[in-house]
Protein backbone atom coordinates (compact mmCIF):
# COMPACT_ATOMS: atom_id res chain seq x y z
CA UNK A 1 -191.77 18.46 64.59
CA UNK A 2 -189.49 19.85 61.86
CA UNK A 3 -186.45 17.94 60.58
CA UNK A 4 -183.09 19.73 60.41
CA UNK A 5 -180.41 18.32 58.11
CA UNK A 6 -176.76 19.40 57.97
CA UNK A 7 -175.66 18.77 54.40
CA UNK A 8 -172.14 18.09 53.16
CA UNK A 9 -172.23 21.28 51.11
CA UNK A 10 -172.04 23.47 54.25
CA UNK A 11 -175.74 24.22 54.34
CA UNK A 12 -178.80 23.47 56.46
CA UNK A 13 -182.10 22.18 55.08
CA UNK A 14 -185.29 22.30 57.13
CA UNK A 15 -188.14 19.94 56.28
CA UNK A 16 -191.68 19.60 57.61
CA UNK A 17 -192.66 16.23 59.13
CA UNK A 18 -194.27 15.27 55.79
CA UNK A 19 -191.00 15.94 53.90
CA UNK A 20 -191.71 19.35 52.36
CA UNK A 21 -188.66 21.63 52.12
CA UNK A 22 -189.32 24.68 54.32
CA UNK A 23 -185.96 26.47 54.16
CA UNK A 24 -182.37 26.06 53.05
CA UNK A 25 -179.43 28.30 53.93
CA UNK A 26 -175.67 28.42 54.32
CA UNK A 27 -172.60 28.16 52.17
CA UNK A 28 -168.89 27.61 52.59
CA UNK A 29 -167.09 30.52 54.23
CA UNK A 30 -166.21 32.10 57.55
CA UNK A 31 -168.74 34.96 57.70
CA UNK A 32 -171.87 34.83 59.84
CA UNK A 33 -174.34 32.37 58.35
CA UNK A 34 -171.59 30.51 56.52
CA UNK A 35 -169.90 27.29 57.60
CA UNK A 36 -166.15 26.67 57.50
CA UNK A 37 -166.45 22.89 57.35
CA UNK A 38 -168.92 20.05 57.61
CA UNK A 39 -171.77 20.57 60.06
CA UNK A 40 -171.38 18.43 63.18
CA UNK A 41 -174.34 19.41 65.31
CA UNK A 42 -177.75 21.06 65.08
CA UNK A 43 -180.13 21.77 67.92
CA UNK A 44 -183.16 23.94 68.62
CA UNK A 45 -183.94 25.56 71.99
CA UNK A 46 -187.33 26.14 73.62
CA UNK A 47 -187.64 29.53 71.85
CA UNK A 48 -187.15 28.01 68.39
CA UNK A 49 -183.62 29.43 68.01
CA UNK A 50 -181.30 27.24 65.96
CA UNK A 51 -177.70 26.42 66.95
CA UNK A 52 -175.30 24.96 64.40
CA UNK A 53 -171.80 23.63 65.11
CA UNK A 54 -169.12 23.04 62.52
CA UNK A 55 -165.52 22.00 63.25
CA UNK A 56 -164.51 25.47 64.47
CA UNK A 57 -167.48 27.27 66.03
CA UNK A 58 -171.13 27.31 67.06
CA UNK A 59 -173.51 29.84 65.51
CA UNK A 60 -176.92 30.88 66.81
CA UNK A 61 -179.75 31.76 64.45
CA UNK A 62 -182.59 33.50 66.32
CA UNK A 63 -186.13 32.81 65.25
CA UNK A 64 -187.84 35.99 64.07
């Protein structure tokens, strides 16, 4: 049910189905949790882990 948005400012925003902002993270860079370029893909697996692809790599963010 949540909505995941890859923003042009190298960050991810997560919204509830009613539009409330739940979380926002990321910034430009090449460290873990940063994005080197525009975000090209976002997906969530059955465990709720988030995968984010930019132009150079895919990062996994495990749900805790």
